[in-house]
PDB file of N, CA and C in Angstrom:
ATOM      1  N   MET A   1      14.874 -30.097   9.767  1.00  0.00           N
ATOM      2  CA  MET A   1      13.971 -30.235   8.311  1.00  0.00           C
ATOM      3  C   MET A   1      15.573 -30.254   7.212  1.00  0.00           C
ATOM      4  N   LYS A   2      14.721 -31.054   6.317  1.00  0.00           N
ATOM      5  CA  LYS A   2      15.637 -31.260   5.463  1.00  0.00           C
ATOM      6  C   LYS A   2      15.911 -30.376   4.271  1.00  0.00           C
ATOM      7  N   LYS A   3      17.171 -29.784   3.753  1.00  0.00           N
ATOM      8  CA  LYS A   3      17.219 -28.939   3.226  1.00  0.00           C
ATOM      9  C   LYS A   3      18.076 -29.525   1.932  1.00  0.00           C
ATOM     10  N   LYS A   4      18.244 -28.729   0.532  1.00  0.00           N
ATOM     11  CA  LYS A   4      18.427 -28.686  -0.669  1.00  0.00           C
ATOM     12  C   LYS A   4      19.423 -27.836  -0.922  1.00  0.00           C
ATOM     13  N   LEU A   5      20.619 -28.147  -1.292  1.00  0.00           N
ATOM     14  CA  LEU A   5      21.575 -27.446  -1.617  1.00  0.00           C
ATOM     15  C   LEU A   5      21.561 -26.530  -3.164  1.00  0.00           C
ATOM     16  N   MET A   6      21.330 -25.055  -3.526  1.00  0.00           N
ATOM     17  CA  MET A   6      20.948 -24.207  -4.868  1.00  0.00           C
ATOM     18  C   MET A   6      21.943 -23.635  -5.048  1.00  0.00           C
ATOM     19  N   ILE A   7      22.594 -23.827  -6.167  1.00  0.00           N
ATOM     20  CA  ILE A   7      23.924 -22.631  -6.267  1.00  0.00           C
ATOM     21  C   ILE A   7      23.581 -21.824  -7.601  1.00  0.00           C
ATOM     22  N   ILE A   8      23.743 -20.620  -7.208  1.00  0.00           N
ATOM     23  CA  ILE A   8      23.333 -19.252  -8.417  1.00  0.00           C
ATOM     24  C   ILE A   8      24.540 -18.263  -8.518  1.00  0.00           C
ATOM     25  N   GLU A   9      24.496 -18.404  -9.932  1.00  0.00           N
ATOM     26  CA  GLU A   9      25.828 -17.462 -10.707  1.00  0.00           C
ATOM     27  C   GLU A   9      25.140 -16.303 -10.867  1.00  0.00           C
ATOM     28  N   PHE A  10      26.035 -15.357 -10.315  1.00  0.00           N
ATOM     29  CA  PHE A  10      25.634 -13.796 -10.912  1.00  0.00           C
ATOM     30  C   PHE A  10      27.101 -13.295 -11.507  1.00  0.00           C
ATOM     31  N   PRO A  11      26.842 -12.459 -12.380  1.00  0.00           N
ATOM     32  CA  PRO A  11      28.191 -11.681 -12.931  1.00  0.00           C
ATOM     33  C   PRO A  11      28.856 -11.253 -11.887  1.00  0.00           C
ATOM     34  N   ASP A  12      30.411 -10.826 -12.093  1.00  0.00           N
ATOM     35  CA  ASP A  12      30.710 -10.274 -11.304  1.00  0.00           C
ATOM     36  C   ASP A  12      30.612  -8.587 -11.032  1.00  0.00           C
ATOM     37  N   ALA A  13      30.221  -8.451 -12.132  1.00  0.00           N
ATOM     38  CA  ALA A  13      30.024  -6.606 -12.354  1.00  0.00           C
ATOM     39  C   ALA A  13      29.154  -6.392 -11.554  1.00  0.00           C
ATOM     40  N   ALA A  14      28.237  -7.321 -11.727  1.00  0.00           N
ATOM     41  CA  ALA A  14      26.442  -6.956 -10.821  1.00  0.00           C
ATOM     42  C   ALA A  14      26.877  -7.138  -9.128  1.00  0.00           C
ATOM     43  N   LEU A  15      27.757  -7.959  -8.898  1.00  0.00           N
ATOM     44  CA  LEU A  15      27.848  -8.150  -7.450  1.00  0.00           C
ATOM     45  C   LEU A  15      28.517  -7.097  -6.854  1.00  0.00           C
ATOM     46  N   LYS A  16      29.674  -6.649  -7.335  1.00  0.00           N
ATOM     47  CA  LYS A  16      30.650  -5.344  -7.423  1.00  0.00           C
ATOM     48  C   LYS A  16      29.825  -3.967  -7.434  1.00  0.00           C
ATOM     49  N   GLN A  17      29.138  -4.088  -7.964  1.00  0.00           N
ATOM     50  CA  GLN A  17      27.796  -2.831  -7.808  1.00  0.00           C
ATOM     51  C   GLN A  17      27.059  -2.683  -6.491  1.00  0.00           C
ATOM     52  N   THR A  18      26.720  -4.201  -5.875  1.00  0.00           N
ATOM     53  CA  THR A  18      25.935  -3.673  -5.132  1.00  0.00           C
ATOM     54  C   THR A  18      26.195  -5.040  -3.796  1.00  0.00           C
ATOM     55  N   PRO A  19      27.576  -4.502  -2.847  1.00  0.00           N
ATOM     56  CA  PRO A  19      28.059  -5.475  -2.139  1.00  0.00           C
ATOM     57  C   PRO A  19      27.299  -5.613  -0.731  1.00  0.00           C
ATOM     58  N   GLN A  20      26.254  -4.870  -0.691  1.00  0.00           N
ATOM     59  CA  GLN A  20      25.748  -5.129   0.661  1.00  0.00           C
ATOM     60  C   GLN A  20      24.601  -5.760   0.402  1.00  0.00           C
ATOM     61  N   TYR A  21      24.228  -6.011  -0.748  1.00  0.00           N
ATOM     62  CA  TYR A  21      23.376  -7.010  -1.463  1.00  0.00           C
ATOM     63  C   TYR A  21      23.620  -8.430  -1.631  1.00  0.00           C
ATOM     64  N   ALA A  22      25.320  -8.668  -1.806  1.00  0.00           N
ATOM     65  CA  ALA A  22      25.677  -9.593  -2.465  1.00  0.00           C
ATOM     66  C   ALA A  22      26.434 -11.041  -1.373  1.00  0.00           C
ATOM     67  N   THR A  23      25.470 -10.791  -0.284  1.00  0.00           N
ATOM     68  CA  THR A  23      25.976 -12.074   0.476  1.00  0.00           C
ATOM     69  C   THR A  23      24.753 -13.214   0.748  1.00  0.00           C
ATOM     70  N   PRO A  24      25.200 -13.966   0.481  1.00  0.00           N
ATOM     71  CA  PRO A  24      24.428 -15.483   1.154  1.00  0.00           C
ATOM     72  C   PRO A  24      22.932 -15.176   2.198  1.00  0.00           C
ATOM     73  N   GLY A  25      23.415 -14.480   3.400  1.00  0.00           N
ATOM     74  CA  GLY A  25      22.252 -14.120   4.089  1.00  0.00           C
ATOM     75  C   GLY A  25      21.154 -13.213   3.570  1.00  0.00           C
ATOM     76  N   ALA A  26      21.924 -11.840   2.818  1.00  0.00           N
ATOM     77  CA  ALA A  26      20.680 -10.910   2.528  1.00  0.00           C
ATOM     78  C   ALA A  26      20.078 -11.550   1.192  1.00  0.00           C
ATOM     79  N   LEU A  27      20.825 -12.218   0.156  1.00  0.00           N
ATOM     80  CA  LEU A  27      20.079 -13.063  -0.651  1.00  0.00           C
ATOM     81  C   LEU A  27      18.753 -13.795  -0.165  1.00  0.00           C
ATOM     82  N   LYS A  28      19.106 -14.774   0.701  1.00  0.00           N
ATOM     83  CA  LYS A  28      18.313 -15.403   1.293  1.00  0.00           C
ATOM     84  C   LYS A  28      17.009 -14.807   1.497  1.00  0.00           C
ATOM     85  N   THR A  29      17.429 -13.592   2.554  1.00  0.00           N
ATOM     86  CA  THR A  29      16.526 -13.132   2.973  1.00  0.00           C
ATOM     87  C   THR A  29      15.317 -12.456   1.945  1.00  0.00           C
ATOM     88  N   ASP A  30      15.943 -11.922   1.508  1.00  0.00           N
ATOM     89  CA  ASP A  30      15.376 -11.028   0.059  1.00  0.00           C
ATOM     90  C   ASP A  30      14.425 -12.082  -0.903  1.00  0.00           C
ATOM     91  N   PHE A  31      14.832 -13.454  -1.089  1.00  0.00           N
ATOM     92  CA  PHE A  31      14.116 -14.376  -1.937  1.00  0.00           C
ATOM     93  C   PHE A  31      13.179 -14.585  -0.858  1.00  0.00           C
ATOM     94  N   ALA A  32      13.324 -15.197   0.629  1.00  0.00           N
ATOM     95  CA  ALA A  32      12.015 -15.247   1.573  1.00  0.00           C
ATOM     96  C   ALA A  32      11.228 -13.979   1.465  1.00  0.00           C
ATOM     97  N   VAL A  33      11.286 -12.698   1.376  1.00  0.00           N
ATOM     98  CA  VAL A  33      10.268 -11.535   1.352  1.00  0.00           C
ATOM     99  C   VAL A  33       9.525 -11.724   0.056  1.00  0.00           C
ATOM    100  N   TRP A  34      10.002 -12.114  -1.117  1.00  0.00           N
ATOM    101  CA  TRP A  34       9.688 -12.443  -2.220  1.00  0.00           C
ATOM    102  C   TRP A  34       8.747 -13.559  -2.613  1.00  0.00           C
ATOM    103  N   LEU A  35       8.936 -14.641  -2.246  1.00  0.00           N
ATOM    104  CA  LEU A  35       8.219 -15.561  -1.644  1.00  0.00           C
ATOM    105  C   LEU A  35       6.704 -15.251  -0.615  1.00  0.00           C
ATOM    106  N   TYR A  36       7.341 -14.557   0.315  1.00  0.00           N
ATOM    107  CA  TYR A  36       6.266 -14.114   1.008  1.00  0.00           C
ATOM    108  C   TYR A  36       5.022 -13.116   0.366  1.00  0.00           C
ATOM    109  N   GLU A  37       5.776 -12.190  -0.069  1.00  0.00           N
ATOM    110  CA  GLU A  37       4.784 -10.956  -0.617  1.00  0.00           C
ATOM    111  C   GLU A  37       3.835 -11.745  -1.649  1.00  0.00           C
ATOM    112  N   ARG A  38       4.213 -12.618  -2.405  1.00  0.00           N
ATOM    113  CA  ARG A  38       3.593 -13.356  -3.569  1.00  0.00           C
ATOM    114  C   ARG A  38       2.671 -14.517  -2.763  1.00  0.00           C
ATOM    115  N   GLU A  39       2.652 -14.966  -1.835  1.00  0.00           N
ATOM    116  CA  GLU A  39       1.885 -15.936  -0.852  1.00  0.00           C
ATOM    117  C   GLU A  39       2.156 -17.248  -1.440  1.00  0.00           C
ATOM    118  N   VAL A  40       3.959 -17.398  -1.545  1.00  0.00           N
ATOM    119  CA  VAL A  40       4.036 -18.844  -1.966  1.00  0.00           C
ATOM    120  C   VAL A  40       4.155 -19.224  -0.530  1.00  0.00           C
ATOM    121  N   LEU A  41       5.128 -18.605   0.336  1.00  0.00           N
ATOM    122  CA  LEU A  41       5.461 -19.008   1.653  1.00  0.00           C
ATOM    123  C   LEU A  41       4.292 -18.313   2.927  1.00  0.00           C
ATOM    124  N   THR A  42       4.433 -19.145   3.668  1.00  0.00           N
ATOM    125  CA  THR A  42       4.000 -18.326   5.126  1.00  0.00           C
ATOM    126  C   THR A  42       4.571 -17.458   5.778  1.00  0.00           C
ATOM    127  N   LEU A  43       4.480 -16.887   6.836  1.00  0.00           N
ATOM    128  CA  LEU A  43       5.146 -15.783   7.630  1.00  0.00           C
ATOM    129  C   LEU A  43       6.357 -16.733   8.244  1.00  0.00           C
ATOM    130  N   ALA A  44       5.707 -18.280   8.656  1.00  0.00           N
ATOM    131  CA  ALA A  44       6.640 -18.839   9.371  1.00  0.00           C
ATOM    132  C   ALA A  44       7.458 -19.663   8.444  1.00  0.00           C
ATOM    133  N   GLN A  45       7.132 -20.051   7.187  1.00  0.00           N
ATOM    134  CA  GLN A  45       7.990 -20.470   6.157  1.00  0.00           C
ATOM    135  C   GLN A  45       8.981 -19.847   5.803  1.00  0.00           C
ATOM    136  N   ALA A  46       8.552 -18.369   5.400  1.00  0.00           N
ATOM    137  CA  ALA A  46       9.228 -17.559   5.085  1.00  0.00           C
ATOM    138  C   ALA A  46      10.496 -17.491   5.963  1.00  0.00           C
ATOM    139  N   ALA A  47      10.070 -16.948   6.977  1.00  0.00           N
ATOM    140  CA  ALA A  47      11.183 -16.748   8.267  1.00  0.00           C
ATOM    141  C   ALA A  47      12.270 -18.004   8.666  1.00  0.00           C
ATOM    142  N   ARG A  48      11.606 -19.245   8.691  1.00  0.00           N
ATOM    143  CA  ARG A  48      12.460 -20.334   9.040  1.00  0.00           C
ATOM    144  C   ARG A  48      13.671 -20.231   7.565  1.00  0.00           C
ATOM    145  N   LEU A  49      13.264 -20.312   6.217  1.00  0.00           N
ATOM    146  CA  LEU A  49      14.135 -19.912   5.090  1.00  0.00           C
ATOM    147  C   LEU A  49      14.829 -19.294   5.219  1.00  0.00           C
ATOM    148  N   CYS A  50      15.123 -17.925   5.486  1.00  0.00           N
ATOM    149  CA  CYS A  50      16.289 -17.050   6.214  1.00  0.00           C
ATOM    150  C   CYS A  50      16.275 -17.009   7.524  1.00  0.00           C
ATOM    151  N   ASP A  51      16.274 -18.181   8.211  1.00  0.00           N
ATOM    152  CA  ASP A  51      16.777 -18.509   9.613  1.00  0.00           C
ATOM    153  C   ASP A  51      16.546 -17.091  10.379  1.00  0.00           C
ATOM    154  N   GLN A  52      15.454 -16.660  10.167  1.00  0.00           N
ATOM    155  CA  GLN A  52      15.036 -15.868  11.379  1.00  0.00           C
ATOM    156  C   GLN A  52      13.706 -16.553  12.141  1.00  0.00           C
ATOM    157  N   THR A  53      13.750 -15.488  13.398  1.00  0.00           N
ATOM    158  CA  THR A  53      12.109 -16.232  14.274  1.00  0.00           C
ATOM    159  C   THR A  53      11.249 -15.250  13.266  1.00  0.00           C
ATOM    160  N   ARG A  54      10.059 -15.607  13.507  1.00  0.00           N
ATOM    161  CA  ARG A  54       8.840 -14.840  13.111  1.00  0.00           C
ATOM    162  C   ARG A  54       8.317 -13.330  13.567  1.00  0.00           C
ATOM    163  N   LEU A  55       8.919 -13.376  14.808  1.00  0.00           N
ATOM    164  CA  LEU A  55       9.228 -11.427  14.951  1.00  0.00           C
ATOM    165  C   LEU A  55      10.299 -10.925  13.941  1.00  0.00           C
ATOM    166  N   GLN A  56      11.147 -11.637  14.151  1.00  0.00           N
ATOM    167  CA  GLN A  56      12.595 -10.854  13.385  1.00  0.00           C
ATOM    168  C   GLN A  56      11.871 -10.692  11.920  1.00  0.00           C
ATOM    169  N   PHE A  57      11.445 -11.601  11.512  1.00  0.00           N
ATOM    170  CA  PHE A  57      10.979 -11.431   9.760  1.00  0.00           C
ATOM    171  C   PHE A  57       9.762 -10.761   9.580  1.00  0.00           C
ATOM    172  N   GLN A  58       9.037 -10.261  10.466  1.00  0.00           N
ATOM    173  CA  GLN A  58       7.844  -9.103  11.146  1.00  0.00           C
ATOM    174  C   GLN A  58       9.154  -7.718  10.393  1.00  0.00           C
ATOM    175  N   LYS A  59       9.709  -7.874  11.405  1.00  0.00           N
ATOM    176  CA  LYS A  59      10.685  -6.515  11.142  1.00  0.00           C
ATOM    177  C   LYS A  59      10.950  -6.556  10.057  1.00  0.00           C
ATOM    178  N   THR A  60      12.059  -7.554   9.556  1.00  0.00           N
ATOM    179  CA  THR A  60      12.397  -7.483   8.178  1.00  0.00           C
ATOM    180  C   THR A  60      10.978  -7.013   7.235  1.00  0.00           C
ATOM    181  N   LEU A  61      10.334  -7.340   7.371  1.00  0.00           N
ATOM    182  CA  LEU A  61       9.299  -7.160   5.999  1.00  0.00           C
ATOM    183  C   LEU A  61       8.431  -5.779   6.454  1.00  0.00           C
ATOM    184  N   LYS A  62       8.679  -5.226   7.588  1.00  0.00           N
ATOM    185  CA  LYS A  62       8.346  -3.814   7.845  1.00  0.00           C
ATOM    186  C   LYS A  62       9.435  -2.937   7.203  1.00  0.00           C
ATOM    187  N   SER A  63      11.056  -3.152   7.400  1.00  0.00           N
ATOM    188  CA  SER A  63      11.661  -2.788   7.350  1.00  0.00           C
ATOM    189  C   SER A  63      12.053  -2.434   5.316  1.00  0.00           C
ATOM    190  N   LYS A  64      11.241  -3.656   4.761  1.00  0.00           N
ATOM    191  CA  LYS A  64      10.992  -3.361   3.416  1.00  0.00           C
ATOM    192  C   LYS A  64       9.558  -2.779   2.645  1.00  0.00           C
ATOM    193  N   GLY A  65       8.886  -2.649   3.627  1.00  0.00           N
ATOM    194  CA  GLY A  65       7.680  -1.862   3.139  1.00  0.00           C
ATOM    195  C   GLY A  65       6.616  -2.974   2.922  1.00  0.00           C
ATOM    196  N   VAL A  66       7.009  -3.743   2.846  1.00  0.00           N
ATOM    197  CA  VAL A  66       5.777  -5.222   2.959  1.00  0.00           C
ATOM    198  C   VAL A  66       4.648  -5.187   4.012  1.00  0.00           C
ATOM    199  N   TYR A  67       3.313  -5.362   3.541  1.00  0.00           N
ATOM    200  CA  TYR A  67       2.080  -5.853   4.822  1.00  0.00           C
ATOM    201  C   TYR A  67       2.595  -7.015   5.144  1.00  0.00           C
ATOM    202  N   LEU A  68       2.059  -7.429   6.393  1.00  0.00           N
ATOM    203  CA  LEU A  68       1.732  -8.422   6.971  1.00  0.00           C
ATOM    204  C   LEU A  68       0.075  -9.422   5.853  1.00  0.00           C
ATOM    205  N   HIS A  69      -0.005 -10.316   5.621  1.00  0.00           N
ATOM    206  CA  HIS A  69      -0.968 -10.871   5.284  1.00  0.00           C
ATOM    207  C   HIS A  69      -1.773 -11.184   6.333  1.00  0.00           C
ATOM    208  N   TYR A  70      -3.339 -10.623   6.098  1.00  0.00           N
ATOM    209  CA  TYR A  70      -4.247 -10.662   7.107  1.00  0.00           C
ATOM    210  C   TYR A  70      -5.644 -10.731   6.686  1.00  0.00           C
ATOM    211  N   SER A  71      -6.245 -11.774   6.520  1.00  0.00           N
ATOM    212  CA  SER A  71      -7.280 -11.853   5.847  1.00  0.00           C
ATOM    213  C   SER A  71      -8.849 -11.779   6.656  1.00  0.00           C
ATOM    214  N   SER A  72      -9.823 -11.413   6.104  1.00  0.00           N
ATOM    215  CA  SER A  72     -10.889 -11.079   6.727  1.00  0.00           C
ATOM    216  C   SER A  72     -11.268 -12.518   7.472  1.00  0.00           C
ATOM    217  N   GLU A  73     -10.791 -13.405   7.400  1.00  0.00           N
ATOM    218  CA  GLU A  73     -10.970 -14.947   7.945  1.00  0.00           C
ATOM    219  C   GLU A  73      -9.762 -14.748   9.036  1.00  0.00           C
ATOM    220  N   ASP A  74      -8.919 -14.409   9.145  1.00  0.00           N
ATOM    221  CA  ASP A  74      -8.300 -14.056  10.548  1.00  0.00           C
ATOM    222  C   ASP A  74      -8.746 -13.075  11.003  1.00  0.00           C
ATOM    223  N   LEU A  75      -9.140 -12.136  10.756  1.00  0.00           N
ATOM    224  CA  LEU A  75      -9.883 -10.853  11.558  1.00  0.00           C
ATOM    225  C   LEU A  75     -10.793 -11.710  12.557  1.00  0.00           C
ATOM    226  N   LYS A  76     -11.835 -12.544  11.729  1.00  0.00           N
ATOM    227  CA  LYS A  76     -12.991 -13.415  12.279  1.00  0.00           C
ATOM    228  C   LYS A  76     -12.252 -14.257  13.302  1.00  0.00           C
ATOM    229  N   ARG A  77     -11.638 -15.146  13.024  1.00  0.00           N
ATOM    230  CA  ARG A  77     -10.935 -16.048  13.796  1.00  0.00           C
ATOM    231  C   ARG A  77     -10.197 -15.438  15.507  1.00  0.00           C
ATOM    232  N   ASP A  78      -9.703 -14.220  15.404  1.00  0.00           N
ATOM    233  CA  ASP A  78      -9.039 -13.543  16.082  1.00  0.00           C
ATOM    234  C   ASP A  78      -9.990 -12.912  17.163  1.00  0.00           C
ATOM    235  N   VAL A  79     -11.209 -12.549  16.641  1.00  0.00           N
ATOM    236  CA  VAL A  79     -12.568 -11.527  17.438  1.00  0.00           C
ATOM    237  C   VAL A  79     -12.974 -12.860  18.317  1.00  0.00           C
ATOM    238  N   GLN A  80     -13.278 -13.955  17.483  1.00  0.00           N
ATOM    239  CA  GLN A  80     -13.798 -15.100  18.473  1.00  0.00           C
ATOM    240  C   GLN A  80     -12.932 -15.446  19.837  1.00  0.00           C
ATOM    241  N   ASN A  81     -11.624 -15.475  19.168  1.00  0.00           N
ATOM    242  CA  ASN A  81     -10.721 -16.387  20.115  1.00  0.00           C
ATOM    243  C   ASN A  81     -10.366 -14.934  21.479  1.00  0.00           C
ATOM    244  N   MET A  82     -11.250 -14.166  21.623  1.00  0.00           N
ATOM    245  CA  MET A  82     -10.967 -12.870  22.587  1.00  0.00           C
ATOM    246  C   MET A  82     -11.952 -13.320  23.704  1.00  0.00           C
TER     247      MET A  82
END
């Protein structure tokens, strides 16, 4: 997968107040969750963005109180595949 470097600057004061969130991994994960919530990325795409498996990302979503996107079309397809 091709990657693009993105640099984001934060004020020192903001990062010092929230050190647990100030790691690159935590920021990537929160960004992936944010994009998934807004249906910009699929589950698989968001998981790849934060270097997690789909199952790991589902657990991340659960820990943050975010529900999986599951449409009526998804349900119909699952019922047909039973």
